[in-house]
């Protein structure tokens, strides 16, 4: 778990000025050299989100800035690094939500490197949308101006999203999978801006060799992604069917809301409370579905970024502080044993 130093904050102005960013680059099996390739781009993703917050941009802009970095990097199962389905086509799902409870979820997005940018452009005040990537939407992307195509990372053929890294992993049978057979390379970002407003986003290429049209939990509000300014924001990664059936995110959100109803400052008064909730719910998930699951990142209202997983590893990056200063920032691979790995040498200590 993240051990971010905290201090007692009582002044409202100081509470409201605290900002947090946390990203995940997937959970699953641990292949040292391949997994460690995620650390630098995760750091870049955190930096990109932080720059947006420092500029005073809304939290959802920071989320998408982080997701774009990871969607454009072949070491993550999203965008250019997305796993192909049974037909050899990269079909992507994206869920983007802000704390005022508007969301955009797009399913089976084709020939787009940055589906998070598409979701952001479709987000409107007071409007929420869940939609499949229709033929009409694809036609609109094909006919769009060049600057829009560049913004979305549009490609003219499916094979251009099959990265050399993914093809090599597939050839060596080294995709990040558990015994469930589900890939765990999804990317996500959760943000709390200086006004205390949340946003969260989750983007994925889905399970390797998935059935054509299959949807996991990534774009499902309340499972793969969630944000509510009164409660928390979260993003998951893992075997989607297991996370949906176990209602992992729903139970975690419910626990957080219960604690906040008892004490509006519960997560400030008890810094370990979020960790206790995550441990409890992941233990329950593992009991119901041994060897299946994944990981989750979350920021509770008034609390610090936290994460948990029940797979071999989860890749994490985070930063916390104010517009004027960074209190803590780090990126690493967290192993199930409790170790934090940042380089190969860490494994030999």
Protein backbone atom coordinates (compact mmCIF):
# COMPACT_ATOMS: atom_id res chain seq x y z
CA UNK A 1 0.00 0.00 0.00
CA UNK A 2 1.06 3.62 -0.45
CA UNK A 3 2.52 5.02 2.71
CA UNK A 4 2.13 8.74 2.13
CA UNK A 5 3.04 10.89 5.09
CA UNK A 6 0.08 12.84 6.41
CA UNK A 7 -0.45 15.60 8.91
CA UNK A 8 -3.43 16.88 10.80
CA UNK A 9 -5.16 19.49 8.63
CA UNK A 10 -7.92 21.50 10.19
CA UNK A 11 -8.05 24.72 8.17
CA UNK A 12 -10.56 24.45 5.32
CA UNK A 13 -8.36 26.44 2.96
CA UNK A 14 -5.46 24.04 3.44
CA UNK A 15 -7.65 20.99 2.93
CA UNK A 16 -9.07 22.41 -0.28
CA UNK A 17 -5.58 23.15 -1.67
CA UNK A 18 -4.32 19.56 -1.43
CA UNK A 19 -4.09 17.73 -4.76
CA UNK A 20 -3.67 14.03 -5.51
CA UNK A 21 -2.92 11.95 -8.59
CA UNK A 22 -2.64 8.16 -8.71
CA UNK A 23 -2.34 5.94 -11.78
CA UNK A 24 -2.17 2.22 -12.39
CA UNK A 25 -0.68 0.47 -15.40
CA UNK A 26 -2.29 -2.88 -14.84
CA UNK A 27 -2.03 -5.84 -12.50
CA UNK A 28 -1.35 -9.53 -13.12
CA UNK A 29 1.72 -11.69 -13.62
CA UNK A 30 5.14 -10.25 -12.93
CA UNK A 31 7.68 -10.38 -15.76
CA UNK A 32 10.54 -8.27 -14.33
CA UNK A 33 12.01 -6.58 -17.39
CA UNK A 34 8.68 -6.14 -19.15
CA UNK A 35 6.86 -4.89 -16.06
CA UNK A 36 9.64 -2.45 -15.20
CA UNK A 37 9.26 -0.82 -18.63
CA UNK A 38 6.03 0.67 -17.26
CA UNK A 39 7.70 2.79 -14.57
CA UNK A 40 9.02 5.67 -16.69
CA UNK A 41 5.81 6.19 -18.67
CA UNK A 42 3.78 6.01 -15.45
CA UNK A 43 5.98 8.79 -14.06
CA UNK A 44 5.36 10.77 -17.23
CA UNK A 45 1.61 10.16 -16.88
CA UNK A 46 1.62 11.44 -13.30
CA UNK A 47 3.60 14.50 -14.38
CA UNK A 48 1.20 15.21 -17.25
CA UNK A 49 -1.80 15.05 -14.91
CA UNK A 50 -0.06 17.21 -12.33
CA UNK A 51 0.76 19.90 -14.89
CA UNK A 52 -2.93 20.16 -15.77
CA UNK A 53 -3.89 20.54 -12.11
CA UNK A 54 -1.23 23.20 -11.51
CA UNK A 55 -2.69 25.14 -14.46
CA UNK A 56 -6.09 24.98 -12.73
CA UNK A 57 -7.65 22.64 -15.31
CA UNK A 58 -10.62 20.48 -14.22
CA UNK A 59 -9.80 17.07 -12.78
CA UNK A 60 -11.05 15.17 -15.85
CA UNK A 61 -8.50 16.99 -18.03
CA UNK A 62 -5.74 15.79 -15.72
CA UNK A 63 -7.08 12.23 -15.88
CA UNK A 64 -7.06 12.22 -19.67
CA UNK A 65 -3.60 13.76 -19.84
CA UNK A 66 -2.31 10.79 -17.82
CA UNK A 67 -4.30 8.19 -19.77
CA UNK A 68 -3.02 9.51 -23.11
CA UNK A 69 0.58 8.91 -22.06
CA UNK A 70 -0.17 5.29 -21.22
CA UNK A 71 -2.49 4.70 -24.18
CA UNK A 72 0.31 5.85 -26.47
CA UNK A 73 2.92 3.56 -24.90
CA UNK A 74 3.12 -0.05 -26.10
CA UNK A 75 3.88 -1.43 -22.63
CA UNK A 76 0.27 -1.00 -21.46
CA UNK A 77 -2.84 -2.88 -22.54
CA UNK A 78 -4.58 0.22 -23.87
CA UNK A 79 -4.39 2.22 -27.07
CA UNK A 80 -1.27 1.33 -29.05
CA UNK A 81 -0.44 -1.51 -26.64
CA UNK A 82 -3.93 -3.00 -26.59
CA UNK A 83 -4.31 -6.77 -26.85
CA UNK A 84 -6.07 -8.03 -30.00
CA UNK A 85 -9.34 -9.95 -29.85
CA UNK A 86 -10.04 -13.37 -31.37
CA UNK A 87 -10.12 -11.76 -34.83
CA UNK A 88 -6.77 -10.02 -34.33
CA UNK A 89 -8.36 -6.58 -33.91
CA UNK A 90 -7.67 -4.20 -31.02
CA UNK A 91 -11.09 -3.24 -29.64
CA UNK A 92 -10.93 -0.83 -26.71
CA UNK A 93 -13.20 0.24 -23.86
CA UNK A 94 -12.98 3.55 -21.99
CA UNK A 95 -14.85 4.88 -18.98
CA UNK A 96 -14.42 8.52 -17.90
CA UNK A 97 -16.31 10.05 -14.97
CA UNK A 98 -16.13 13.26 -12.98
CA UNK A 99 -17.19 13.87 -9.41
CA UNK A 100 -20.32 15.78 -10.41
CA UNK A 101 -21.41 12.34 -11.69
CA UNK A 102 -21.40 12.90 -15.44
CA UNK A 103 -19.73 10.09 -17.37
CA UNK A 104 -18.92 8.86 -20.87
CA UNK A 105 -18.36 5.16 -21.53
CA UNK A 106 -17.41 3.93 -25.00
CA UNK A 107 -17.35 0.25 -25.89
CA UNK A 108 -15.37 -1.53 -28.61
CA UNK A 109 -13.61 1.59 -29.92
CA UNK A 110 -11.78 0.88 -33.20
CA UNK A 111 -8.73 2.41 -34.90
CA UNK A 112 -8.20 5.04 -32.19
CA UNK A 113 -5.02 5.33 -30.13
CA UNK A 114 -6.43 7.72 -27.51
CA UNK A 115 -10.03 6.75 -26.71
CA UNK A 116 -9.78 8.83 -23.51
CA UNK A 117 -9.61 12.01 -25.63
CA UNK A 118 -12.73 10.97 -27.53
CA UNK A 119 -14.55 10.41 -24.23
CA UNK A 120 -13.43 13.80 -22.90
CA UNK A 121 -14.68 15.59 -26.01
CA UNK A 122 -18.05 13.84 -25.67
CA UNK A 123 -18.46 14.80 -22.01
CA UNK A 124 -21.02 17.53 -21.37
CA UNK A 125 -22.39 19.13 -18.22
CA UNK A 126 -25.46 17.31 -17.00
CA UNK A 127 -25.16 14.58 -19.63
CA UNK A 128 -24.03 10.96 -19.34
CA UNK A 129 -23.58 8.48 -22.13
CA UNK A 130 -22.75 4.80 -22.56
CA UNK A 131 -22.43 3.80 -26.20
CA UNK A 132 -20.93 1.18 -28.45
CA UNK A 133 -18.50 2.47 -31.07
CA UNK A 134 -21.00 2.54 -33.92
CA UNK A 135 -20.29 2.56 -37.64
CA UNK A 136 -21.52 6.16 -37.63
CA UNK A 137 -18.91 7.18 -35.04
CA UNK A 138 -16.21 5.46 -37.07
CA UNK A 139 -17.33 7.32 -40.19
CA UNK A 140 -17.18 10.62 -38.29
CA UNK A 141 -13.62 9.85 -37.18
CA UNK A 142 -12.62 8.89 -40.74
CA UNK A 143 -14.01 12.19 -42.06
CA UNK A 144 -12.67 14.40 -39.26
CA UNK A 145 -10.18 17.22 -39.76
CA UNK A 146 -6.53 16.28 -39.49
CA UNK A 147 -6.07 17.98 -36.11
CA UNK A 148 -8.91 15.88 -34.69
CA UNK A 149 -7.42 12.70 -36.16
CA UNK A 150 -4.09 13.61 -34.60
CA UNK A 151 -5.72 14.33 -31.23
CA UNK A 152 -7.45 10.94 -31.26
CA UNK A 153 -4.52 9.02 -32.69
CA UNK A 154 -6.65 7.84 -35.61
CA UNK A 155 -5.20 5.08 -37.80
CA UNK A 156 -6.48 3.93 -41.17
CA UNK A 157 -6.15 0.20 -40.53
CA UNK A 158 -6.52 -2.10 -37.52
CA UNK A 159 -3.04 -3.60 -37.77
CA UNK A 160 -1.43 -0.23 -36.99
CA UNK A 161 -2.52 -0.59 -33.35
CA UNK A 162 -0.72 -3.95 -33.00
CA UNK A 163 2.54 -2.90 -31.36
CA UNK A 164 5.80 -4.89 -31.70
CA UNK A 165 5.86 -5.31 -27.91
CA UNK A 166 2.42 -6.93 -27.83
CA UNK A 167 3.19 -9.19 -30.80
CA UNK A 168 6.39 -10.33 -29.08
CA UNK A 169 4.58 -10.99 -25.78
CA UNK A 170 1.94 -13.00 -27.59
CA UNK A 171 4.59 -15.03 -29.39
CA UNK A 172 6.26 -15.84 -26.07
CA UNK A 173 2.97 -16.34 -24.24
CA UNK A 174 3.98 -13.64 -21.75
CA UNK A 175 0.90 -11.45 -21.56
CA UNK A 176 -0.02 -10.48 -18.00
CA UNK A 177 -2.63 -13.10 -17.30
CA UNK A 178 -3.78 -14.96 -14.24
CA UNK A 179 -5.15 -18.49 -14.06
CA UNK A 180 -8.46 -16.90 -14.97
CA UNK A 181 -7.11 -16.28 -18.46
CA UNK A 182 -7.95 -12.60 -18.15
CA UNK A 183 -5.41 -9.95 -19.09
CA UNK A 184 -4.66 -7.35 -16.43
CA UNK A 185 -2.88 -4.58 -18.36
CA UNK A 186 -5.63 -1.98 -18.16
CA UNK A 187 -4.61 1.63 -17.34
CA UNK A 188 -6.37 4.02 -14.99
CA UNK A 189 -6.04 7.39 -13.31
CA UNK A 190 -7.79 8.96 -10.32
CA UNK A 191 -7.43 12.66 -9.50
CA UNK A 192 -8.48 15.06 -6.75
CA UNK A 193 -7.95 18.70 -7.75
CA UNK A 194 -7.26 21.70 -5.52
CA UNK A 195 -11.00 22.31 -5.05
CA UNK A 196 -11.53 18.78 -3.78
CA UNK A 197 -13.25 17.67 -6.99
CA UNK A 198 -12.73 14.14 -8.29
CA UNK A 199 -12.38 12.50 -11.68
CA UNK A 200 -11.48 8.98 -12.74
CA UNK A 201 -10.78 7.19 -15.99
CA UNK A 202 -10.06 3.60 -17.02
CA UNK A 203 -8.94 2.48 -20.49
CA UNK A 204 -8.24 -1.01 -21.82
CA UNK A 205 -7.70 -3.26 -24.79
CA UNK A 206 -9.44 -6.01 -22.85
CA UNK A 207 -8.70 -9.69 -22.50
CA UNK A 208 -6.27 -11.08 -25.06
CA UNK A 209 -8.04 -13.12 -27.78
CA UNK A 210 -11.41 -12.13 -26.28
CA UNK A 211 -14.61 -12.98 -28.10
CA UNK A 212 -15.58 -10.34 -30.60
CA UNK A 213 -17.77 -7.77 -28.82
CA UNK A 214 -16.84 -8.86 -25.28
CA UNK A 215 -16.99 -6.09 -22.65
CA UNK A 216 -15.34 -6.29 -19.23
CA UNK A 217 -15.81 -4.04 -16.22
CA UNK A 218 -13.60 -1.14 -17.42
CA UNK A 219 -16.33 1.15 -18.84
CA UNK A 220 -18.97 0.17 -16.29
CA UNK A 221 -19.75 2.99 -13.86
CA UNK A 222 -19.57 1.68 -10.30
CA UNK A 223 -17.23 -1.13 -11.26
CA UNK A 224 -14.30 -0.25 -13.53
CA UNK A 225 -14.63 3.49 -12.95
CA UNK A 226 -16.39 5.74 -10.45
CA UNK A 227 -16.24 9.34 -9.20
CA UNK A 228 -18.48 11.21 -6.77
CA UNK A 229 -17.29 14.38 -5.03
CA UNK A 230 -19.19 13.36 -1.88
CA UNK A 231 -17.60 9.92 -1.61
CA UNK A 232 -14.52 8.92 -3.64
CA UNK A 233 -13.04 8.18 -7.05
CA UNK A 234 -11.61 4.85 -8.20
CA UNK A 235 -10.34 2.79 -11.12
CA UNK A 236 -9.84 -0.96 -11.42
CA UNK A 237 -7.73 -3.40 -13.40
CA UNK A 238 -8.13 -7.14 -13.62
CA UNK A 239 -10.40 -9.95 -14.70
CA UNK A 240 -13.52 -7.99 -15.55
CA UNK A 241 -16.07 -10.75 -15.10
CA UNK A 242 -14.71 -11.53 -11.61
CA UNK A 243 -14.74 -7.87 -10.57
CA UNK A 244 -18.28 -7.49 -11.84
CA UNK A 245 -19.56 -10.63 -10.13
CA UNK A 246 -17.79 -9.79 -6.87
CA UNK A 247 -19.11 -6.20 -6.92
CA UNK A 248 -15.71 -5.16 -5.56
CA UNK A 249 -15.98 -1.44 -6.35
CA UNK A 250 -19.58 -1.27 -5.16
CA UNK A 251 -18.76 -2.66 -1.73
CA UNK A 252 -15.75 -0.35 -1.40
CA UNK A 253 -17.81 2.73 -2.33
CA UNK A 254 -20.51 1.63 0.11
CA UNK A 255 -17.98 1.27 2.93
CA UNK A 256 -16.50 4.67 2.22
CA UNK A 257 -19.94 6.32 2.18
CA UNK A 258 -20.87 4.62 5.46
CA UNK A 259 -17.72 5.90 7.17
CA UNK A 260 -18.22 9.44 5.83
CA UNK A 261 -21.81 9.49 7.09
CA UNK A 262 -20.55 8.66 10.56
CA UNK A 263 -17.69 11.19 10.37
CA UNK A 264 -17.27 13.63 7.47
CA UNK A 265 -13.54 13.70 8.20
CA UNK A 266 -13.16 9.97 8.80
CA UNK A 267 -10.30 9.46 6.35
CA UNK A 268 -8.43 12.46 7.70
CA UNK A 269 -8.85 11.38 11.30
CA UNK A 270 -7.94 7.74 10.56
CA UNK A 271 -5.35 7.57 7.74
CA UNK A 272 -5.35 3.75 7.84
CA UNK A 273 -9.13 3.46 7.38
CA UNK A 274 -9.02 3.24 3.58
CA UNK A 275 -6.37 0.56 3.78
CA UNK A 276 -8.53 -1.45 6.18
CA UNK A 277 -11.50 -1.29 3.81
CA UNK A 278 -9.42 -2.41 0.84
CA UNK A 279 -7.85 -5.29 2.74
CA UNK A 280 -11.27 -6.49 3.88
CA UNK A 281 -12.89 -6.35 0.44
CA UNK A 282 -9.96 -7.90 -1.43
CA UNK A 283 -9.87 -10.73 1.09
CA UNK A 284 -13.56 -11.32 0.43
CA UNK A 285 -13.00 -11.20 -3.33
CA UNK A 286 -10.18 -13.76 -3.05
CA UNK A 287 -12.37 -16.01 -0.92
CA UNK A 288 -15.12 -15.99 -3.52
CA UNK A 289 -12.82 -16.24 -6.54
CA UNK A 290 -9.40 -17.75 -5.67
CA UNK A 291 -6.64 -16.83 -8.15
CA UNK A 292 -8.85 -14.30 -9.86
CA UNK A 293 -9.32 -10.60 -9.43
CA UNK A 294 -6.88 -7.77 -10.03
CA UNK A 295 -6.28 -4.38 -8.46
CA UNK A 296 -7.81 -1.01 -7.64
CA UNK A 297 -6.73 2.58 -7.00
CA UNK A 298 -8.88 4.97 -4.97
CA UNK A 299 -8.95 8.39 -3.31
CA UNK A 300 -11.62 8.78 -0.60
CA UNK A 301 -13.06 12.18 0.23
CA UNK A 302 -10.64 13.86 2.62
CA UNK A 303 -8.15 11.00 2.33
CA UNK A 304 -4.96 10.04 0.57
CA UNK A 305 -4.43 7.89 -2.56
CA UNK A 306 -4.48 4.16 -1.85
CA UNK A 307 -4.29 0.92 -3.84
CA UNK A 308 -4.60 -2.82 -3.39
CA UNK A 309 -4.40 -5.99 -5.49
CA UNK A 310 -4.63 -9.76 -5.14
CA UNK A 311 -2.53 -10.61 -8.21
CA UNK A 312 1.24 -11.09 -8.45
CA UNK A 313 1.80 -7.39 -9.01
CA UNK A 314 0.25 -4.03 -9.70
CA UNK A 315 2.02 -1.08 -11.34
CA UNK A 316 1.50 2.23 -9.54
CA UNK A 317 2.46 5.90 -9.88
CA UNK A 318 1.30 8.73 -7.63
CA UNK A 319 1.88 12.29 -6.51
CA UNK A 320 0.40 14.39 -3.74
CA UNK A 321 0.92 18.01 -2.70
CA UNK A 322 -0.29 21.50 -3.60
CA UNK A 323 0.00 23.72 -6.65
CA UNK A 324 3.13 25.22 -5.11
CA UNK A 325 4.91 22.10 -3.89
CA UNK A 326 5.05 18.32 -4.24
CA UNK A 327 4.86 16.44 -0.96
CA UNK A 328 5.51 12.94 -2.35
CA UNK A 329 5.85 11.34 -5.76
CA UNK A 330 6.82 7.82 -6.81
CA UNK A 331 6.34 5.11 -9.43
CA UNK A 332 6.96 1.40 -8.89
CA UNK A 333 5.82 -2.18 -9.29
CA UNK A 334 4.20 -3.41 -6.10
CA UNK A 335 4.60 -7.16 -5.65
CA UNK A 336 2.17 -9.36 -3.73
CA UNK A 337 5.03 -10.03 -1.29
CA UNK A 338 4.95 -6.35 -0.31
CA UNK A 339 8.12 -5.35 -2.16
CA UNK A 340 8.25 -2.19 -4.27
CA UNK A 341 10.40 -2.69 -7.34
CA UNK A 342 11.75 0.21 -9.35
CA UNK A 343 14.69 -1.49 -11.12
CA UNK A 344 16.07 -4.98 -11.63
CA UNK A 345 18.61 -4.44 -8.85
CA UNK A 346 15.79 -4.15 -6.32
CA UNK A 347 15.00 -7.83 -6.85
CA UNK A 348 18.46 -8.87 -5.70
CA UNK A 349 18.43 -7.04 -2.38
